[in-house]
Amino acid sequence: MGPDFFPIVYREFYDVPRVFIVFAGDERILLDCQFDQSRDDYPTEYQVYRMARGFSPPSGSWANVIGEAVEHLGAMPVAAVHFDATGRRSVLANAFREMLERTK
């Protein structure tokens, strides 16, 4: 049996998805890594948010999606997120399961 993946939907991509939703069973997790103008680069960590159960990503702009977050779960290094071979469809589930367990 191969690794376990959770599907994602993303809105911004630069090397990796920079803003995306992880569909972790009935949980919805938002990862956000916005460009930092002062550093002229992306941060090395995603900010991670729990969204309402059943949250559905908007079809248009995601500019205000963080405002819909239920809880800020902390930060996760970009390097700790392992994407599928395309880098655009899914992420390895382990790190997200561990984070959700710690934040229950």
N, C-alpha and C. Protein backbone atom coordinates (compact mmCIF):
# COMPACT_ATOMS: atom_id res chain seq x y z
N MET A 1 0.85 -1.18 0.00
CA MET A 1 0.00 0.00 0.00
C MET A 1 0.89 1.25 0.00
N GLY A 2 0.57 2.21 -0.84
CA GLY A 2 1.36 3.43 -0.96
C GLY A 2 1.01 4.45 0.10
N PRO A 3 1.65 5.60 0.02
CA PRO A 3 1.39 6.66 0.98
C PRO A 3 -0.05 7.17 0.89
N ASP A 4 -0.50 7.75 1.98
CA ASP A 4 -1.85 8.29 2.11
C ASP A 4 -1.82 9.79 1.78
N PHE A 5 -2.67 10.23 0.86
CA PHE A 5 -2.71 11.64 0.45
C PHE A 5 -4.08 12.24 0.72
N PHE A 6 -4.09 13.56 0.99
CA PHE A 6 -5.33 14.33 1.07
C PHE A 6 -5.39 15.22 -0.17
N PRO A 7 -6.56 15.34 -0.81
CA PRO A 7 -6.69 16.23 -1.97
C PRO A 7 -6.59 17.70 -1.55
N ILE A 8 -6.17 18.53 -2.50
CA ILE A 8 -6.08 19.97 -2.26
C ILE A 8 -6.72 20.73 -3.42
N VAL A 9 -7.04 21.99 -3.14
CA VAL A 9 -7.43 22.97 -4.16
C VAL A 9 -6.59 24.19 -3.85
N TYR A 10 -5.92 24.73 -4.86
CA TYR A 10 -5.05 25.88 -4.62
C TYR A 10 -5.45 27.07 -5.47
N ARG A 11 -4.98 28.24 -5.05
CA ARG A 11 -5.28 29.47 -5.78
C ARG A 11 -4.02 30.14 -6.29
N GLU A 12 -2.91 30.07 -5.58
CA GLU A 12 -1.66 30.69 -6.02
C GLU A 12 -0.58 29.63 -6.07
N PHE A 13 0.30 29.77 -7.07
CA PHE A 13 1.37 28.79 -7.24
C PHE A 13 2.65 29.52 -7.61
N TYR A 14 3.70 29.28 -6.86
CA TYR A 14 5.05 29.71 -7.21
C TYR A 14 5.99 28.67 -6.62
N ASP A 15 6.53 27.81 -7.44
CA ASP A 15 7.31 26.64 -7.06
C ASP A 15 6.45 25.56 -6.42
N VAL A 16 5.58 25.96 -5.51
CA VAL A 16 4.61 25.09 -4.85
C VAL A 16 3.33 25.90 -4.67
N PRO A 17 2.20 25.25 -4.38
CA PRO A 17 1.01 26.04 -4.05
C PRO A 17 1.30 26.95 -2.85
N ARG A 18 0.88 28.19 -2.93
CA ARG A 18 1.14 29.17 -1.87
C ARG A 18 -0.09 29.44 -1.01
N VAL A 19 -1.26 29.23 -1.56
CA VAL A 19 -2.51 29.33 -0.81
C VAL A 19 -3.36 28.15 -1.25
N PHE A 20 -3.68 27.26 -0.31
CA PHE A 20 -4.46 26.09 -0.70
C PHE A 20 -5.25 25.53 0.47
N ILE A 21 -6.28 24.78 0.12
CA ILE A 21 -7.14 24.10 1.08
C ILE A 21 -6.84 22.61 1.01
N VAL A 22 -6.65 22.00 2.18
CA VAL A 22 -6.47 20.56 2.30
C VAL A 22 -7.80 19.96 2.74
N PHE A 23 -8.28 18.97 2.03
CA PHE A 23 -9.50 18.26 2.38
C PHE A 23 -9.09 17.02 3.17
N ALA A 24 -9.03 17.18 4.49
CA ALA A 24 -8.56 16.12 5.40
C ALA A 24 -9.78 15.44 6.01
N GLY A 25 -10.38 14.52 5.28
CA GLY A 25 -11.63 13.91 5.74
C GLY A 25 -12.71 14.98 5.79
N ASP A 26 -13.34 15.16 6.97
CA ASP A 26 -14.35 16.21 7.08
C ASP A 26 -13.76 17.54 7.55
N GLU A 27 -12.45 17.59 7.75
CA GLU A 27 -11.77 18.83 8.11
C GLU A 27 -11.32 19.57 6.86
N ARG A 28 -11.32 20.90 6.94
CA ARG A 28 -10.81 21.75 5.88
C ARG A 28 -9.70 22.60 6.49
N ILE A 29 -8.50 22.50 5.93
CA ILE A 29 -7.34 23.20 6.45
C ILE A 29 -6.81 24.15 5.37
N LEU A 30 -6.66 25.42 5.73
CA LEU A 30 -6.13 26.43 4.82
C LEU A 30 -4.65 26.64 5.13
N LEU A 31 -3.81 26.58 4.12
CA LEU A 31 -2.40 26.93 4.26
C LEU A 31 -2.16 28.17 3.42
N ASP A 32 -1.51 29.14 4.04
CA ASP A 32 -1.32 30.44 3.40
C ASP A 32 0.14 30.86 3.53
N CYS A 33 0.74 31.22 2.41
CA CYS A 33 2.14 31.65 2.38
C CYS A 33 2.24 32.80 1.39
N GLN A 34 1.82 33.97 1.85
CA GLN A 34 1.76 35.16 0.99
C GLN A 34 3.15 35.77 0.76
N PHE A 35 3.35 36.31 -0.41
CA PHE A 35 4.61 36.96 -0.76
C PHE A 35 4.89 38.09 0.22
N ASP A 36 6.11 38.17 0.71
CA ASP A 36 6.54 39.21 1.66
C ASP A 36 7.28 40.30 0.88
N GLN A 37 6.61 41.43 0.69
CA GLN A 37 7.18 42.54 -0.08
C GLN A 37 8.49 43.05 0.52
N SER A 38 8.55 43.11 1.86
CA SER A 38 9.75 43.65 2.51
C SER A 38 10.98 42.76 2.29
N ARG A 39 10.78 41.46 2.17
CA ARG A 39 11.89 40.52 1.93
C ARG A 39 12.06 40.23 0.44
N ASP A 40 11.06 40.63 -0.35
CA ASP A 40 11.04 40.33 -1.78
C ASP A 40 11.16 38.82 -2.02
N ASP A 41 10.45 38.06 -1.18
CA ASP A 41 10.49 36.61 -1.27
C ASP A 41 9.29 36.04 -0.52
N TYR A 42 9.08 34.74 -0.68
CA TYR A 42 8.04 34.06 0.07
C TYR A 42 8.60 33.61 1.41
N PRO A 43 7.77 33.57 2.45
CA PRO A 43 8.22 33.04 3.75
C PRO A 43 8.55 31.55 3.62
N THR A 44 9.25 31.03 4.60
CA THR A 44 9.62 29.61 4.59
C THR A 44 8.58 28.77 5.33
N GLU A 45 7.52 29.41 5.82
CA GLU A 45 6.46 28.70 6.54
C GLU A 45 5.09 29.09 6.01
N TYR A 46 4.21 28.12 6.04
CA TYR A 46 2.79 28.39 5.81
C TYR A 46 2.16 28.75 7.15
N GLN A 47 1.20 29.64 7.12
CA GLN A 47 0.32 29.85 8.26
C GLN A 47 -0.85 28.89 8.04
N VAL A 48 -1.24 28.18 9.08
CA VAL A 48 -2.22 27.11 8.95
C VAL A 48 -3.48 27.46 9.74
N TYR A 49 -4.63 27.30 9.10
CA TYR A 49 -5.91 27.66 9.69
C TYR A 49 -6.91 26.53 9.54
N ARG A 50 -7.71 26.32 10.56
CA ARG A 50 -8.83 25.38 10.47
C ARG A 50 -10.03 26.18 9.94
N MET A 51 -10.66 25.64 8.94
CA MET A 51 -11.86 26.25 8.38
C MET A 51 -13.06 25.49 8.92
N ALA A 52 -14.24 26.04 8.75
CA ALA A 52 -15.46 25.37 9.19
C ALA A 52 -15.60 24.04 8.45
N ARG A 53 -16.16 23.05 9.15
CA ARG A 53 -16.41 21.76 8.48
C ARG A 53 -17.33 22.01 7.29
N GLY A 54 -17.00 21.40 6.19
CA GLY A 54 -17.80 21.58 4.99
C GLY A 54 -17.47 22.84 4.21
N PHE A 55 -16.48 23.64 4.68
CA PHE A 55 -16.08 24.85 3.95
C PHE A 55 -15.78 24.50 2.50
N SER A 56 -16.24 25.34 1.61
CA SER A 56 -15.99 25.15 0.19
C SER A 56 -15.24 26.37 -0.32
N PRO A 57 -14.10 26.19 -0.98
CA PRO A 57 -13.34 27.34 -1.48
C PRO A 57 -14.17 28.17 -2.46
N PRO A 58 -14.04 29.49 -2.39
CA PRO A 58 -14.79 30.33 -3.31
C PRO A 58 -14.32 30.12 -4.75
N SER A 59 -15.21 30.34 -5.69
CA SER A 59 -14.84 30.17 -7.09
C SER A 59 -14.08 31.38 -7.62
N GLY A 60 -14.19 32.52 -6.95
CA GLY A 60 -13.47 33.72 -7.37
C GLY A 60 -12.27 33.98 -6.49
N SER A 61 -12.12 35.21 -6.10
CA SER A 61 -10.97 35.63 -5.30
C SER A 61 -10.94 34.97 -3.92
N TRP A 62 -9.74 34.68 -3.47
CA TRP A 62 -9.54 34.13 -2.12
C TRP A 62 -9.01 35.20 -1.19
N ALA A 63 -9.10 36.47 -1.57
CA ALA A 63 -8.52 37.57 -0.79
C ALA A 63 -9.01 37.60 0.65
N ASN A 64 -10.24 37.23 0.91
CA ASN A 64 -10.79 37.31 2.27
C ASN A 64 -11.02 35.95 2.91
N VAL A 65 -10.46 34.89 2.35
CA VAL A 65 -10.74 33.55 2.85
C VAL A 65 -10.21 33.35 4.28
N ILE A 66 -9.11 33.99 4.65
CA ILE A 66 -8.59 33.84 6.01
C ILE A 66 -9.59 34.36 7.03
N GLY A 67 -10.36 35.36 6.65
CA GLY A 67 -11.39 35.90 7.53
C GLY A 67 -12.47 34.88 7.88
N GLU A 68 -12.57 33.82 7.12
CA GLU A 68 -13.55 32.77 7.38
C GLU A 68 -12.98 31.63 8.24
N ALA A 69 -11.71 31.74 8.60
CA ALA A 69 -11.07 30.70 9.40
C ALA A 69 -11.70 30.63 10.79
N VAL A 70 -11.80 29.42 11.31
CA VAL A 70 -12.33 29.17 12.64
C VAL A 70 -11.23 29.31 13.69
N GLU A 71 -9.99 28.89 13.31
CA GLU A 71 -8.90 28.85 14.27
C GLU A 71 -7.56 28.88 13.54
N HIS A 72 -6.61 29.64 14.10
CA HIS A 72 -5.23 29.60 13.59
C HIS A 72 -4.52 28.46 14.31
N LEU A 73 -3.99 27.50 13.56
CA LEU A 73 -3.37 26.31 14.14
C LEU A 73 -1.87 26.45 14.33
N GLY A 74 -1.29 27.50 13.76
CA GLY A 74 0.16 27.69 13.88
C GLY A 74 0.81 27.77 12.52
N ALA A 75 2.09 27.43 12.49
CA ALA A 75 2.87 27.49 11.25
C ALA A 75 3.41 26.11 10.92
N MET A 76 3.64 25.89 9.64
CA MET A 76 4.21 24.64 9.16
C MET A 76 5.26 25.00 8.11
N PRO A 77 6.48 24.50 8.23
CA PRO A 77 7.49 24.80 7.21
C PRO A 77 7.03 24.35 5.82
N VAL A 78 7.30 25.17 4.83
CA VAL A 78 6.96 24.81 3.45
C VAL A 78 7.62 23.47 3.11
N ALA A 79 8.84 23.27 3.56
CA ALA A 79 9.57 22.04 3.27
C ALA A 79 8.95 20.80 3.90
N ALA A 80 8.08 20.98 4.91
CA ALA A 80 7.44 19.84 5.58
C ALA A 80 6.19 19.36 4.86
N VAL A 81 5.74 20.12 3.87
CA VAL A 81 4.55 19.75 3.10
C VAL A 81 5.01 19.01 1.85
N HIS A 82 4.58 17.77 1.73
CA HIS A 82 5.00 16.93 0.61
C HIS A 82 3.82 16.73 -0.34
N PHE A 83 3.99 17.26 -1.53
CA PHE A 83 2.95 17.21 -2.55
C PHE A 83 3.08 15.96 -3.41
N ASP A 84 2.00 15.63 -4.12
CA ASP A 84 2.03 14.53 -5.08
C ASP A 84 3.01 14.90 -6.20
N ALA A 85 3.22 13.99 -7.13
CA ALA A 85 4.21 14.20 -8.20
C ALA A 85 3.93 15.45 -9.04
N THR A 86 2.66 15.84 -9.17
CA THR A 86 2.35 17.04 -9.96
C THR A 86 2.57 18.31 -9.16
N GLY A 87 2.58 18.19 -7.83
CA GLY A 87 2.71 19.36 -6.96
C GLY A 87 1.45 20.19 -6.88
N ARG A 88 0.34 19.66 -7.38
CA ARG A 88 -0.87 20.47 -7.50
C ARG A 88 -2.17 19.78 -7.11
N ARG A 89 -2.15 18.49 -6.81
CA ARG A 89 -3.41 17.78 -6.57
C ARG A 89 -3.62 17.29 -5.15
N SER A 90 -2.53 16.94 -4.46
CA SER A 90 -2.69 16.36 -3.13
C SER A 90 -1.41 16.51 -2.31
N VAL A 91 -1.55 16.28 -1.00
CA VAL A 91 -0.42 16.35 -0.07
C VAL A 91 -0.40 15.08 0.78
N LEU A 92 0.78 14.68 1.22
CA LEU A 92 0.87 13.55 2.14
C LEU A 92 0.10 13.88 3.40
N ALA A 93 -0.66 12.93 3.88
CA ALA A 93 -1.60 13.17 4.97
C ALA A 93 -0.96 13.23 6.36
N ASN A 94 0.15 12.56 6.59
CA ASN A 94 0.70 12.40 7.94
C ASN A 94 0.85 13.70 8.72
N ALA A 95 1.51 14.71 8.14
CA ALA A 95 1.75 15.95 8.86
C ALA A 95 0.44 16.64 9.26
N PHE A 96 -0.57 16.52 8.42
CA PHE A 96 -1.85 17.16 8.71
C PHE A 96 -2.62 16.40 9.80
N ARG A 97 -2.56 15.10 9.75
CA ARG A 97 -3.19 14.31 10.82
C ARG A 97 -2.55 14.64 12.17
N GLU A 98 -1.21 14.72 12.19
CA GLU A 98 -0.52 15.03 13.45
C GLU A 98 -0.92 16.41 13.96
N MET A 99 -0.99 17.41 13.09
CA MET A 99 -1.36 18.75 13.51
C MET A 99 -2.80 18.78 14.04
N LEU A 100 -3.71 18.09 13.37
CA LEU A 100 -5.10 18.06 13.81
C LEU A 100 -5.22 17.36 15.16
N GLU A 101 -4.45 16.32 15.37
CA GLU A 101 -4.49 15.62 16.67
C GLU A 101 -3.99 16.53 17.79
N ARG A 102 -2.93 17.29 17.53
CA ARG A 102 -2.37 18.19 18.56
C ARG A 102 -3.32 19.33 18.90
N THR A 103 -4.18 19.71 17.98
CA THR A 103 -5.01 20.91 18.17
C THR A 103 -6.46 20.59 18.49
N LYS A 104 -6.76 19.35 18.82
CA LYS A 104 -8.16 18.99 19.16
C LYS A 104 -8.60 19.68 20.42
